[in-house]
Amino acid sequence: MILRDVTLRDGLQLTGKVLPTERKVQIARQLLALGVPELEIGSMARPDLVPPMANTLELVAQLTPEELERCWVWVATPRHVAKAAEAGVRNFQYCFSVSDAHNKANIGRTTEDSLAAMPEAVRFAHEAGGRIQLCLATAFTCPFDGPVDPARVLAIAADARAEGAADIVIADTLGQAYPGQVAALIGAAAATGRWGTPEHRIVFHGHDTWGMGVANSLAALNAGAAVVDGSLGGLGGCPFAPGASGNTSSEDLLFATRPEWFTPPVLSDLVKISEDLLTELGEPNRSRTAEGAHSKAAAFEWVIGASE
């Protein structure tokens, strides 16, 4: 399992507060140093619509090329890709919604318009020597239109205009999906033969609105996903999706999956980073793992201070 921590993009975008560039740099470097494999660090969304993303390119400018190799930036148009590439970005998450209603609210165009523009976005990314992901928001439900037909998701995933994408991101934007539903859609995407390989990974982006974040992520991994998204303390959500709440907690995902680099000392450091940030933002901590790490069960090695 590979965790991509999305705190600095999807985590921050609902807070309404612009975190200083230096603070974002600090958090990115802390997470990378702990061993978090990949990060989503910002967005090319309009600053007037999503103010917390206003200093994304300033953050990019402060990171080294080696650090940026492990970082992704959200984009929605070919122009976004070109502008981000010029600033040094090499990993682009080209995102649009499966449902037209949400894509119009989020990006201001139809799903077909976004898909039609993808070949140009792919070309710009490849000319920069980078990678680009096909990211499908509202892959399960739409806040305006309700349930989304899985066939529509699979049709976009199979569309020739998405060729050239390194990965596909399947997003439960509202956190309304359940494990069987997630497993079925991820499994169907993997069964096409186009996705679900080391060269073309399936990424699951979940939210914990209905308490299914970890369960859905585990279902996705078992069905063929290689990467799952999470944010510190479950921070975040989509400002253009009524009813969406925080992401699945990175701490909870790591405690559930136990990658080799994730040890009790790493958890302790991660909880400290998370709590400092959430206190700074005035946001609640939704991580059950962080709560458990402060318990009095001193004989359990994952409790903070138990191994000291």
Protein backbone atom coordinates (compact mmCIF):
# COMPACT_ATOMS: atom_id res chain seq x y z
CA MET A 1 0.00 0.00 0.00
CA ILE A 2 1.19 3.51 -0.87
CA LEU A 3 -0.24 6.42 1.08
CA ARG A 4 -0.53 9.77 -0.64
CA ASP A 5 -1.09 12.42 1.98
CA VAL A 6 -3.32 15.20 0.59
CA THR A 7 -3.30 17.52 3.61
CA LEU A 8 -1.69 20.43 1.75
CA ARG A 9 -4.34 20.39 -0.99
CA ASP A 10 -7.62 18.66 -0.27
CA GLY A 11 -7.01 18.99 3.46
CA LEU A 12 -6.54 22.75 3.48
CA GLN A 13 -8.97 23.87 0.80
CA LEU A 14 -12.04 24.03 3.06
CA THR A 15 -10.32 25.84 5.92
CA GLY A 16 -10.60 29.31 4.39
CA LYS A 17 -7.14 30.16 5.70
CA VAL A 18 -3.98 30.60 3.63
CA LEU A 19 -1.21 28.76 5.41
CA PRO A 20 2.10 30.62 4.95
CA THR A 21 4.39 29.15 2.30
CA GLU A 22 7.15 28.52 4.84
CA ARG A 23 4.73 26.51 6.98
CA LYS A 24 3.63 24.43 4.01
CA VAL A 25 7.27 23.74 3.15
CA GLN A 26 7.91 22.64 6.72
CA ILE A 27 4.95 20.23 6.72
CA ALA A 28 5.86 18.78 3.32
CA ARG A 29 9.43 18.13 4.41
CA GLN A 30 8.37 16.68 7.75
CA LEU A 31 6.05 14.19 6.04
CA LEU A 32 8.60 13.23 3.39
CA ALA A 33 11.29 12.76 6.04
CA LEU A 34 9.02 10.42 8.03
CA GLY A 35 8.67 8.19 4.95
CA VAL A 36 5.27 9.22 3.54
CA PRO A 37 5.73 8.03 -0.07
CA GLU A 38 3.75 10.70 -1.91
CA LEU A 39 2.09 14.05 -1.20
CA GLU A 40 -0.50 16.22 -2.87
CA ILE A 41 0.79 19.71 -2.18
CA GLY A 42 -1.51 22.16 -3.91
CA SER A 43 -3.86 23.19 -6.65
CA MET A 44 -3.98 25.46 -9.67
CA ALA A 45 -7.57 26.41 -8.84
CA ARG A 46 -8.39 30.11 -8.96
CA PRO A 47 -7.22 31.80 -5.74
CA ASP A 48 -10.41 33.84 -5.51
CA LEU A 49 -12.44 30.63 -5.44
CA VAL A 50 -10.09 28.52 -3.30
CA PRO A 51 -7.95 30.99 -1.30
CA PRO A 52 -5.93 28.39 0.68
CA MET A 53 -4.33 27.28 -2.61
CA ALA A 54 -3.16 30.78 -3.58
CA ASN A 55 0.51 30.14 -2.74
CA THR A 56 0.85 26.71 -4.37
CA LEU A 57 3.49 27.80 -6.88
CA GLU A 58 5.44 29.58 -4.14
CA LEU A 59 5.54 26.26 -2.30
CA VAL A 60 6.69 24.47 -5.46
CA ALA A 61 9.51 27.00 -5.87
CA GLN A 62 10.82 26.19 -2.38
CA LEU A 63 11.01 22.42 -2.88
CA THR A 64 13.89 20.60 -4.55
CA PRO A 65 13.44 18.58 -7.77
CA GLU A 66 13.97 15.44 -5.69
CA GLU A 67 11.18 16.44 -3.30
CA LEU A 68 8.89 17.37 -6.17
CA GLU A 69 9.31 13.88 -7.62
CA ARG A 70 7.12 12.69 -4.74
CA CYS A 71 4.60 15.52 -4.93
CA TRP A 72 1.41 16.02 -6.98
CA VAL A 73 -0.46 19.19 -7.92
CA TRP A 74 -4.17 19.34 -8.83
CA VAL A 75 -4.93 20.72 -12.29
CA ALA A 76 -8.13 21.02 -14.32
CA THR A 77 -7.06 22.45 -17.69
CA PRO A 78 -4.13 22.19 -20.12
CA ARG A 79 -3.25 25.78 -19.22
CA HIS A 80 -2.95 24.72 -15.57
CA VAL A 81 -0.49 22.01 -16.61
CA ALA A 82 1.61 24.39 -18.69
CA LYS A 83 1.76 27.01 -15.93
CA ALA A 84 2.57 24.45 -13.21
CA ALA A 85 5.21 22.78 -15.39
CA GLU A 86 6.92 26.12 -15.94
CA ALA A 87 7.12 26.50 -12.16
CA GLY A 88 8.77 23.09 -11.75
CA VAL A 89 5.86 20.72 -11.15
CA ARG A 90 6.36 17.27 -12.70
CA ASN A 91 3.41 15.29 -11.30
CA PHE A 92 -0.02 16.53 -12.36
CA GLN A 93 -3.42 15.30 -11.19
CA TYR A 94 -5.83 16.22 -14.00
CA CYS A 95 -9.19 16.16 -12.32
CA PHE A 96 -12.78 16.45 -13.47
CA SER A 97 -16.10 15.09 -12.29
CA VAL A 98 -17.97 12.13 -13.72
CA SER A 99 -21.23 14.03 -13.21
CA ASP A 100 -21.80 17.10 -15.38
CA ALA A 101 -23.55 19.02 -12.61
CA HIS A 102 -20.60 18.81 -10.25
CA ASN A 103 -18.05 19.45 -13.00
CA LYS A 104 -19.89 22.63 -13.94
CA ALA A 105 -19.98 23.74 -10.29
CA ASN A 106 -16.36 22.80 -9.66
CA ILE A 107 -14.62 23.60 -12.95
CA GLY A 108 -17.19 25.49 -14.99
CA ARG A 109 -17.49 23.08 -17.91
CA THR A 110 -19.09 19.78 -18.86
CA THR A 111 -17.45 16.43 -18.26
CA GLU A 112 -17.10 15.99 -22.02
CA ASP A 113 -15.31 19.34 -22.32
CA SER A 114 -12.81 18.32 -19.66
CA LEU A 115 -12.21 14.93 -21.26
CA ALA A 116 -11.81 16.50 -24.70
CA ALA A 117 -9.07 18.77 -23.34
CA MET A 118 -7.11 15.95 -21.73
CA PRO A 119 -4.89 15.03 -24.71
CA GLU A 120 -3.46 18.54 -24.69
CA ALA A 121 -2.92 18.33 -20.93
CA VAL A 122 -1.14 14.99 -21.40
CA ARG A 123 1.06 16.50 -24.11
CA PHE A 124 2.11 19.43 -21.91
CA ALA A 125 2.90 17.08 -19.01
CA HIS A 126 4.98 14.75 -21.15
CA GLU A 127 6.83 17.64 -22.83
CA ALA A 128 7.86 18.73 -19.33
CA GLY A 129 9.14 15.22 -18.58
CA GLY A 130 6.37 14.65 -16.09
CA ARG A 131 3.51 12.29 -15.24
CA ILE A 132 -0.20 13.00 -15.32
CA GLN A 133 -3.08 11.22 -13.62
CA LEU A 134 -6.67 10.91 -14.76
CA CYS A 135 -8.67 11.86 -11.66
CA LEU A 136 -12.40 11.15 -11.64
CA ALA A 137 -14.29 13.02 -8.94
CA THR A 138 -17.88 12.08 -7.95
CA ALA A 139 -17.25 8.54 -9.16
CA PHE A 140 -19.94 7.16 -6.84
CA THR A 141 -22.40 9.95 -6.04
CA CYS A 142 -22.97 13.57 -7.04
CA PRO A 143 -24.31 16.19 -4.60
CA PHE A 144 -26.65 17.50 -7.30
CA ASP A 145 -27.62 14.45 -9.38
CA GLY A 146 -27.38 11.63 -6.83
CA PRO A 147 -26.01 8.14 -7.67
CA VAL A 148 -23.53 7.91 -10.53
CA ASP A 149 -23.76 5.02 -13.00
CA PRO A 150 -20.56 2.90 -12.74
CA ALA A 151 -20.73 2.40 -16.52
CA ARG A 152 -20.14 6.12 -16.96
CA VAL A 153 -16.99 5.92 -14.83
CA LEU A 154 -15.70 2.92 -16.76
CA ALA A 155 -16.45 4.53 -20.11
CA ILE A 156 -14.29 7.54 -19.20
CA ALA A 157 -11.58 5.24 -17.85
CA ALA A 158 -11.52 3.41 -21.19
CA ASP A 159 -11.70 6.51 -23.39
CA ALA A 160 -8.80 6.85 -25.83
CA ARG A 161 -8.43 10.52 -24.89
CA ALA A 162 -7.16 9.46 -21.47
CA GLU A 163 -4.28 7.48 -22.93
CA GLY A 164 -0.98 8.74 -21.68
CA ALA A 165 -2.18 9.02 -18.10
CA ALA A 166 0.10 7.29 -15.63
CA ASP A 167 -2.63 6.47 -13.11
CA ILE A 168 -6.36 6.71 -12.60
CA VAL A 169 -7.75 8.25 -9.41
CA ILE A 170 -11.26 7.11 -8.49
CA ALA A 171 -12.74 9.49 -5.95
CA ASP A 172 -15.57 9.06 -3.47
CA THR A 173 -15.87 12.84 -3.26
CA LEU A 174 -18.83 12.86 -0.86
CA GLY A 175 -17.84 9.88 1.28
CA GLN A 176 -21.19 8.20 0.60
CA ALA A 177 -19.85 4.96 -0.91
CA TYR A 178 -19.71 1.66 0.98
CA PRO A 179 -17.05 -1.09 0.80
CA GLY A 180 -18.90 -3.47 -1.55
CA GLN A 181 -19.59 -0.63 -3.95
CA VAL A 182 -15.97 0.53 -3.87
CA ALA A 183 -14.64 -2.99 -4.40
CA ALA A 184 -16.95 -3.52 -7.37
CA LEU A 185 -15.91 -0.32 -9.17
CA ILE A 186 -12.19 -0.65 -8.46
CA GLY A 187 -12.32 -4.31 -9.46
CA ALA A 188 -14.11 -3.45 -12.70
CA ALA A 189 -11.49 -0.81 -13.52
CA ALA A 190 -8.72 -3.32 -12.85
CA ALA A 191 -10.45 -5.97 -14.96
CA THR A 192 -10.19 -3.78 -18.06
CA GLY A 193 -6.46 -4.53 -18.17
CA ARG A 194 -5.67 -0.87 -18.74
CA TRP A 195 -5.43 0.06 -15.06
CA GLY A 196 -4.17 -1.71 -11.97
CA THR A 197 -0.58 -2.40 -13.04
CA PRO A 198 2.65 -0.95 -11.59
CA GLU A 199 2.87 1.30 -14.65
CA HIS A 200 -0.77 2.45 -14.51
CA ARG A 201 -1.86 2.43 -10.90
CA ILE A 202 -5.35 2.75 -9.48
CA VAL A 203 -5.60 5.37 -6.73
CA PHE A 204 -8.58 5.52 -4.38
CA HIS A 205 -9.50 8.89 -2.92
CA GLY A 206 -11.99 8.52 -0.10
CA HIS A 207 -13.75 10.69 2.44
CA ASP A 208 -15.00 9.68 5.86
CA THR A 209 -18.34 11.50 5.83
CA TRP A 210 -20.31 8.38 6.74
CA GLY A 211 -17.54 6.67 8.70
CA MET A 212 -16.52 4.36 5.86
CA GLY A 213 -13.18 5.97 4.95
CA VAL A 214 -10.83 3.25 6.18
CA ALA A 215 -13.17 0.38 5.26
CA ASN A 216 -13.59 1.75 1.74
CA SER A 217 -9.85 2.23 1.35
CA LEU A 218 -9.15 -1.35 2.44
CA ALA A 219 -11.81 -2.58 0.02
CA ALA A 220 -10.16 -0.58 -2.77
CA LEU A 221 -6.73 -2.03 -1.97
CA ASN A 222 -8.09 -5.58 -1.93
CA ALA A 223 -9.78 -4.97 -5.30
CA GLY A 224 -6.66 -3.72 -7.09
CA ALA A 225 -5.84 -0.17 -5.96
CA ALA A 226 -2.18 0.48 -5.15
CA VAL A 227 -2.49 3.95 -3.63
CA VAL A 228 -4.96 5.50 -1.18
CA ASP A 229 -5.32 9.15 -0.25
CA GLY A 230 -5.57 10.50 3.27
CA SER A 231 -5.02 13.71 5.21
CA LEU A 232 -3.74 14.49 8.67
CA GLY A 233 -6.48 14.23 11.25
CA GLY A 234 -9.08 13.70 8.51
CA LEU A 235 -8.85 17.37 7.52
CA GLY A 236 -10.53 18.64 4.39
CA GLY A 237 -13.25 18.27 1.79
CA CYS A 238 -14.50 19.83 -1.43
CA PRO A 239 -15.81 23.43 -1.28
CA PHE A 240 -18.03 22.75 -4.31
CA ALA A 241 -19.64 19.56 -3.00
CA PRO A 242 -22.41 20.18 -0.45
CA GLY A 243 -22.37 17.43 2.16
CA ALA A 244 -18.70 16.51 1.79
CA SER A 245 -16.66 16.42 4.96
CA GLY A 246 -13.10 15.49 5.85
CA ASN A 247 -10.81 13.10 4.07
CA THR A 248 -9.96 9.71 5.47
CA SER A 249 -7.35 10.18 8.18
CA SER A 250 -3.76 9.41 7.13
CA GLU A 251 -3.03 8.18 10.65
CA ASP A 252 -5.97 5.75 10.52
CA LEU A 253 -5.01 4.43 7.07
CA LEU A 254 -1.44 3.83 8.16
CA PHE A 255 -2.44 2.13 11.41
CA ALA A 256 -4.77 -0.16 9.46
CA THR A 257 -2.28 -1.12 6.75
CA ARG A 258 1.09 -0.98 8.58
CA PRO A 259 3.57 -0.30 5.74
CA GLU A 260 7.14 -1.22 6.71
CA TRP A 261 8.26 2.37 7.25
CA PHE A 262 5.39 3.07 9.66
CA THR A 263 6.59 2.42 13.22
CA PRO A 264 5.41 3.57 16.66
CA PRO A 265 7.95 6.44 16.71
CA VAL A 266 6.76 7.53 13.25
CA LEU A 267 3.16 7.52 14.48
CA SER A 268 4.14 9.63 17.47
CA ASP A 269 5.82 12.19 15.20
CA LEU A 270 2.91 12.14 12.75
CA VAL A 271 0.38 12.77 15.52
CA LYS A 272 2.46 15.72 16.76
CA ILE A 273 2.64 17.24 13.25
CA SER A 274 -1.09 16.74 12.80
CA GLU A 275 -2.10 18.16 16.18
CA ASP A 276 0.10 21.23 15.76
CA LEU A 277 -1.43 21.95 12.35
CA LEU A 278 -5.03 21.37 13.42
CA THR A 279 -4.60 23.56 16.49
CA GLU A 280 -3.12 26.28 14.28
CA LEU A 281 -6.09 26.06 11.92
CA GLY A 282 -8.71 25.73 14.65
CA GLU A 283 -9.91 22.45 13.14
CA PRO A 284 -11.04 19.26 14.94
CA ASN A 285 -8.95 16.10 14.88
CA ARG A 286 -11.09 13.29 13.42
CA SER A 287 -8.42 10.57 13.63
CA ARG A 288 -9.35 7.67 15.89
CA THR A 289 -5.75 6.47 15.75
CA ALA A 290 -4.52 9.81 17.10
CA GLU A 291 -7.07 9.50 19.89
CA GLY A 292 -5.95 5.97 20.65
CA ALA A 293 -2.30 7.02 20.66
CA HIS A 294 -3.04 9.17 23.70
CA SER A 295 -4.68 6.38 25.68
CA LYS A 296 -3.39 5.01 28.98
CA ALA A 297 -2.74 1.51 27.60
CA ALA A 298 0.98 1.83 28.23
CA ALA A 299 1.67 -1.83 27.42
CA PHE A 300 0.64 -1.24 23.79
CA GLU A 301 3.66 -0.11 21.77
CA TRP A 302 1.61 2.26 19.59
CA VAL A 303 0.57 4.41 22.54
CA ILE A 304 2.70 7.57 22.61
CA GLY A 305 5.39 7.17 25.22
CA ALA A 306 4.85 3.44 25.70
CA SER A 307 8.22 2.47 24.22
CA GLU A 308 10.22 5.18 25.99
